[in-house]
C-alpha cells in the first residue's frame, strides 16, 4: 500500500487548477472570494476547471463569510447550489456549519449531506471554531459521505493547533475519528515532519502555493516544493 500523502491545493479558476496539477497536487479545493475565506464558485467556473484537469476536485458549499448556514433561505440557496453543481458534474464537496453557540448545525449539515448523497465531502475548518471538537466529531460520526476534516487544530492556525492535531492523529480509527485529517490553515513546510511522523497523510495549501500572494496565481514550482517534501 502506498503511503503517499495527499496534497490538496486551493484553486480559484482553471489556470490555478492546471498549475496545481502540474506541480503535483493530488486534489483541488475549488472556491471563490478568498477575502471571505472561500465561498461557492459558479457552476461555469466549476465546468471550466473540471474540463481543464483530471484530478479530484472538491467544491465549497458556503455562501458567505462565517460558519452559519444563513437560516432557511440561506440553506435553500446552498441546496440549490449543490444541485446545480452536481448537474454540472461535481462529485465531491466541502461544507460545515455551526450554531451561534459553536455546536454543529446538524440540520444544515444533514440537509446538505442529503443534497450531495453519494458524494464524498470534507467538513471544513468550522471544526476549529467549534465549542467542543470531540463532541462535534462524535455527533457527525454517522454523517453519510463525510470522509475528511480540514483543520489547523486551532482557530489561529497550525502553529497553535499542532498539539491538538497530533493528539487527534493518535486517535484515528476511534468513533468520530475515522475520517482523514487534512491539515491546513497557516501550514508551513516545517510542520510537515512532525505531522507525518504522527501519521497525518493529507495536507491542504492555499497561500503557500502562491509566493506572489492571492492576487497571483498558483505557482507550479511552489506546489512541487510541497510535493517533494511530502514524498521525502
Foldseek 3Di string as FASTA:
>chain_A
DDLAFAEEEEAAAQVQLLLLVLLPHQEYEYFHDCVLPGAFDQLVRVLRNVVNDPHYYATEQHHGRDAACPPPVSLVVSLVRLLSNVVSPHQEYEHFHADPQQAGPVVSLLVVLVSNPPGAYEDEASLQSHPDNVVNLQVCLPRPRYAEYEHCQHPQGVVVHVVSLLVLLLVDPPRSSVHAYEYDGPDDLVSPPVNVVSPRRHYYDYQQQPPPGPVDHGHSNSSNVVSVSSVD
